[in-house]
Protein backbone atom coordinates (compact mmCIF):
# COMPACT_ATOMS: atom_id res chain seq x y z
CA MET A 1 -49.67 52.35 8.15
CA ILE A 2 -53.37 52.86 6.79
CA ASP A 3 -56.25 51.53 8.85
CA LEU A 4 -59.54 51.80 6.26
CA HIS A 5 -61.89 50.35 8.99
CA SER A 6 -62.52 52.11 12.39
CA HIS A 7 -65.72 52.90 14.38
CA VAL A 8 -64.24 56.73 15.71
CA LEU A 9 -67.33 58.62 14.70
CA PRO A 10 -68.93 59.46 17.92
CA GLY A 11 -72.66 58.51 18.77
CA LEU A 12 -73.27 56.91 15.18
CA ASP A 13 -72.96 53.31 16.45
CA ASP A 14 -71.40 51.04 19.00
CA GLY A 15 -68.10 52.98 18.91
CA ALA A 16 -66.79 56.00 20.30
CA GLY A 17 -69.30 57.27 22.17
CA ASP A 18 -68.67 60.87 22.51
CA LEU A 19 -66.26 63.31 20.65
CA ASP A 20 -63.93 63.17 23.70
CA GLU A 21 -63.20 59.57 23.27
CA ALA A 22 -63.41 59.81 19.11
CA VAL A 23 -60.18 62.01 19.79
CA ALA A 24 -58.53 59.86 21.89
CA MET A 25 -58.90 57.17 19.31
CA CYS A 26 -57.12 59.23 16.96
CA ARG A 27 -54.29 59.71 19.08
CA ALA A 28 -54.05 56.47 20.14
CA ALA A 29 -54.04 55.37 16.70
CA ALA A 30 -51.50 57.83 15.72
CA GLU A 31 -49.17 56.72 18.50
CA ASP A 32 -49.18 52.98 16.99
CA GLY A 33 -47.97 54.42 13.04
CA ILE A 34 -51.46 54.66 12.06
CA GLU A 35 -51.51 57.54 9.41
CA VAL A 36 -54.88 57.45 7.52
CA LEU A 37 -57.71 56.51 9.44
CA ALA A 38 -61.17 55.56 7.63
CA ALA A 39 -64.13 56.18 9.78
CA THR A 40 -66.68 53.44 8.89
CA PRO A 41 -70.13 53.74 10.73
CA HIS A 42 -72.38 50.70 10.76
CA VAL A 43 -75.05 51.49 8.51
CA ARG A 44 -77.59 48.39 9.30
CA ASP A 45 -81.31 48.18 10.93
CA ASP A 46 -79.95 48.98 14.43
CA TYR A 47 -77.64 51.96 13.53
CA PRO A 48 -79.33 53.25 10.38
CA THR A 49 -76.72 56.28 9.61
CA THR A 50 -77.17 58.25 6.83
CA PRO A 51 -74.94 59.95 4.70
CA GLU A 52 -75.38 63.03 5.92
CA GLN A 53 -74.98 61.75 9.71
CA MET A 54 -71.48 60.29 8.93
CA GLU A 55 -70.35 63.33 6.66
CA GLN A 56 -71.02 65.92 9.61
CA ALA A 57 -70.00 63.92 12.17
CA LEU A 58 -66.43 63.36 10.26
CA ALA A 59 -66.12 66.96 9.49
CA ALA A 60 -66.65 67.69 13.31
CA LEU A 61 -64.17 65.30 14.36
CA ARG A 62 -61.48 66.31 11.81
CA ALA A 63 -61.65 69.71 13.39
CA ALA A 64 -61.14 68.57 17.27
CA ALA A 65 -58.50 66.04 16.07
CA GLY A 66 -56.26 68.15 14.05
CA ASP A 67 -53.20 66.97 12.23
CA SER A 68 -53.11 63.75 14.88
CA VAL A 69 -54.01 61.50 11.90
CA ARG A 70 -55.91 61.83 8.38
CA LEU A 71 -59.19 60.99 8.69
CA VAL A 72 -61.28 59.73 5.52
CA GLY A 73 -64.87 58.88 5.20
CA GLY A 74 -67.20 55.72 4.48
CA GLY A 75 -69.79 53.01 6.08
CA GLU A 76 -70.08 49.56 6.97
CA ILE A 77 -72.85 48.55 5.05
CA ASP A 78 -74.98 45.45 6.02
CA LEU A 79 -75.94 43.16 3.52
CA ALA A 80 -79.45 44.00 3.95
CA GLN A 81 -78.41 47.93 3.34
CA LEU A 82 -76.99 47.17 -0.11
CA GLY A 83 -80.09 47.41 -2.11
CA ARG A 84 -79.97 51.58 -1.42
CA PRO A 85 -79.84 54.02 -4.39
CA ARG A 86 -76.73 53.84 -5.74
CA GLU A 87 -76.13 57.57 -5.17
CA GLU A 88 -76.63 57.11 -1.30
CA LEU A 89 -73.87 54.23 -1.43
CA ALA A 90 -71.29 56.21 -3.15
CA ARG A 91 -71.60 58.79 -0.14
CA PHE A 92 -70.24 56.16 1.88
CA ALA A 93 -67.55 54.79 -0.52
CA LEU A 94 -64.36 53.27 1.14
CA ALA A 95 -61.66 56.01 1.92
CA GLY A 96 -63.96 58.42 -0.74
CA ASN A 97 -63.35 56.11 -3.50
CA PRO A 98 -66.55 55.40 -5.12
CA LYS A 99 -65.00 52.12 -6.67
CA TYR A 100 -64.91 50.58 -3.26
CA LEU A 101 -67.16 49.89 -0.37
CA LEU A 102 -66.80 48.38 2.93
CA VAL A 103 -69.23 45.52 3.22
CA GLU A 104 -69.73 43.72 6.95
CA THR A 105 -69.60 39.93 7.13
CA PRO A 106 -72.38 38.54 9.15
CA TYR A 107 -71.03 37.00 12.65
CA GLY A 108 -73.54 33.82 12.48
CA GLY A 109 -74.55 31.96 9.26
CA TRP A 110 -73.67 32.60 5.47
CA PRO A 111 -76.59 34.13 3.75
CA LEU A 112 -77.29 32.08 0.91
CA ASP A 113 -77.56 35.61 -1.42
CA LEU A 114 -74.34 36.93 -0.06
CA PRO A 115 -72.25 36.35 -3.48
CA GLU A 116 -75.29 37.52 -5.59
CA LYS A 117 -75.20 40.75 -3.82
CA LEU A 118 -71.32 41.16 -4.16
CA PHE A 119 -71.61 40.52 -7.72
CA ARG A 120 -74.22 43.13 -8.25
CA LEU A 121 -71.74 45.32 -6.40
CA LEU A 122 -68.96 44.23 -8.94
CA ALA A 123 -71.37 44.52 -11.80
CA ALA A 124 -72.01 48.37 -10.95
CA GLY A 125 -68.40 49.02 -10.99
CA ILE A 126 -68.14 48.88 -7.48
CA THR A 127 -65.72 46.48 -5.71
CA PRO A 128 -66.95 45.17 -2.19
CA VAL A 129 -64.63 44.90 0.37
CA LEU A 130 -65.20 42.17 2.95
CA ALA A 131 -64.85 42.89 6.33
CA HIS A 132 -63.91 40.51 8.93
CA PRO A 133 -65.02 36.76 7.19
CA GLU A 134 -62.53 35.13 9.22
CA ARG A 135 -64.58 36.05 12.38
CA ASN A 136 -67.84 34.43 10.46
CA GLY A 137 -68.45 30.99 12.19
CA GLU A 138 -69.18 29.25 8.68
CA VAL A 139 -66.07 30.58 7.35
CA GLN A 140 -63.78 29.22 10.41
CA GLN A 141 -65.41 25.79 9.55
CA ARG A 142 -65.30 26.39 5.60
CA PRO A 143 -62.63 29.14 4.34
CA GLU A 144 -63.39 27.52 0.76
CA LEU A 145 -66.63 29.93 0.86
CA LEU A 146 -64.40 32.91 0.28
CA GLU A 147 -62.74 31.52 -2.98
CA PRO A 148 -65.02 32.08 -5.43
CA ILE A 149 -65.89 35.94 -4.16
CA VAL A 150 -62.63 36.07 -4.27
CA ALA A 151 -61.81 34.92 -7.68
CA GLY A 152 -64.91 37.37 -8.94
CA GLY A 153 -63.53 40.20 -7.72
CA THR A 154 -64.59 41.03 -4.16
CA LEU A 155 -61.46 41.68 -1.77
CA VAL A 156 -61.40 40.80 1.94
CA GLN A 157 -60.30 42.71 5.20
CA LEU A 158 -59.01 40.61 8.33
CA THR A 159 -59.20 42.25 11.63
CA ALA A 160 -55.95 42.85 13.23
CA ALA A 161 -57.02 41.51 16.69
CA SER A 162 -57.88 38.32 14.73
CA ILE A 163 -54.07 38.04 13.51
CA ASP A 164 -52.63 38.82 17.31
CA GLY A 165 -55.30 36.44 19.21
CA ARG A 166 -57.38 39.05 20.74
CA MET A 167 -60.27 37.42 19.08
CA GLY A 168 -59.46 33.98 20.07
CA GLY A 169 -58.32 30.77 18.33
CA ARG A 170 -60.75 29.96 15.72
CA ALA A 171 -60.57 33.79 14.32
CA ARG A 172 -56.48 33.66 14.45
CA THR A 173 -56.47 30.21 13.00
CA CYS A 174 -59.20 31.24 10.22
CA ALA A 175 -56.94 34.22 9.48
CA ALA A 176 -53.43 32.64 8.73
CA THR A 177 -55.93 30.13 6.47
CA LEU A 178 -57.40 33.04 4.61
CA LEU A 179 -53.61 34.54 3.91
CA GLU A 180 -52.49 30.89 3.24
CA ARG A 181 -54.86 30.54 0.77
CA ASN A 182 -54.38 34.12 -0.86
CA LEU A 183 -57.98 35.05 0.19
CA ALA A 184 -57.03 38.24 2.35
CA HIS A 185 -56.08 41.83 0.77
CA LEU A 186 -56.03 44.44 3.50
CA LEU A 187 -55.80 44.33 7.56
CA ALA A 188 -57.32 47.11 9.40
CA SER A 189 -58.56 47.74 13.23
CA ASP A 190 -62.37 47.60 13.20
CA ALA A 191 -61.73 49.69 16.32
CA HIS A 192 -64.49 50.46 18.76
CA ALA A 193 -62.35 52.31 21.69
CA PRO A 194 -59.43 54.49 22.43
CA SER A 195 -56.87 52.47 23.95
CA VAL A 196 -53.76 51.46 21.78
CA ARG A 197 -54.66 47.67 22.30
CA ALA A 198 -58.41 48.21 20.75
CA ILE A 199 -57.33 50.70 17.62
CA GLY A 200 -53.79 49.80 16.81
CA MET A 201 -52.66 47.78 14.10
CA GLY A 202 -49.13 47.03 15.26
CA ALA A 203 -49.24 43.97 17.50
CA ALA A 204 -50.93 42.11 14.52
CA VAL A 205 -47.76 43.15 12.01
CA GLN A 206 -45.45 42.15 14.21
CA ALA A 207 -47.43 38.33 14.51
CA LEU A 208 -47.70 38.15 11.08
CA GLY A 209 -43.89 37.78 11.23
CA ASP A 210 -43.34 38.65 7.30
CA GLU A 211 -42.53 42.20 6.64
CA ALA A 212 -43.23 42.13 2.98
CA LEU A 213 -46.56 40.84 3.42
CA ALA A 214 -47.46 43.54 6.68
CA ARG A 215 -46.71 46.19 4.35
CA TRP A 216 -48.82 45.01 1.34
CA LEU A 217 -51.51 44.66 4.09
CA THR A 218 -51.33 47.72 5.77
CA VAL A 219 -49.83 50.42 3.21
CA GLU A 220 -49.73 49.41 -0.27
CA VAL A 221 -53.31 48.20 -0.94
CA PRO A 222 -55.34 50.11 1.33
CA GLY A 223 -53.05 53.24 -0.15
CA ALA A 224 -53.68 52.26 -3.70
CA ILE A 225 -57.58 52.40 -2.53
CA LEU A 226 -56.98 55.93 -0.88
CA GLU A 227 -55.02 57.26 -3.84
CA HIS A 228 -57.33 55.65 -6.57
CA GLU A 229 -54.52 53.65 -8.11
CA ALA A 230 -54.30 49.97 -9.05
CA LEU A 231 -53.59 47.50 -6.27
CA PRO A 232 -50.51 46.44 -5.87
CA PRO A 233 -49.74 42.51 -6.74
CA ARG A 234 -49.10 40.57 -3.56
CA PRO A 235 -45.58 39.91 -2.40
CA HIS A 236 -43.69 36.47 -2.63
CA SER A 237 -43.91 35.13 0.93
CA VAL A 238 -40.92 33.14 1.78
CA ARG A 239 -42.59 31.90 5.44
CA PRO A 240 -43.49 28.49 5.41
CA ARG A 241 -46.99 27.68 5.37
CA ARG A 242 -48.95 27.54 8.63
CA ARG A 243 -46.12 29.67 10.12
CA PHE A 244 -47.40 33.23 9.56
CA PHE A 245 -47.75 34.09 12.89
CA ARG A 246 -45.49 34.24 15.81
CA ARG A 247 -46.99 34.24 19.24
């Protein structure tokens, strides 16, 4: 599997606290079947990560973690930070691919200018990957908010813990709805801690109950981003609607 969202870099945000914890997260990811892990620290007012900090921490973790997992860079960019110079945003590119940027969905409310900010990225040749919208209360009530955004070219990344139930019933139900409506494209851990339960995606893959869809979400789409290739089409699912997840 390929995990394009984690907070594994030590000391930059609310993820790994030190290098030992970061190495433990890498090893736990490998144990869960993750071969590539994107280190995507928060870039926002309370965690004003710079490209230099991300790059230096990534180099140090690569040296400490060895070949347990392939580490790639990135950043989880707050909406308020999208006005940064394009060359600076490019250094936070998801998995090092300058055509993609991981954008954080706010947990509360739905900013009226969110679609406009995503459109500006698209107009600049950058595809936004919207992280964990299923955890937003407004999206849980009105998942159709994502329809024009996805139609315009934005990708949606779901959190593994939403699918396997660790984020609660509302996030789980919303994630299922987004999958049913073809409004989700990737699955990632958004890991902040070293235990397999915290970082892994295996339980979510099993909960999906659809091998082809799970592979598309965790291997094919993130792999295309990683390798700078065209995105593959979504496989046809034979599972009935409203029965994506296994308990």
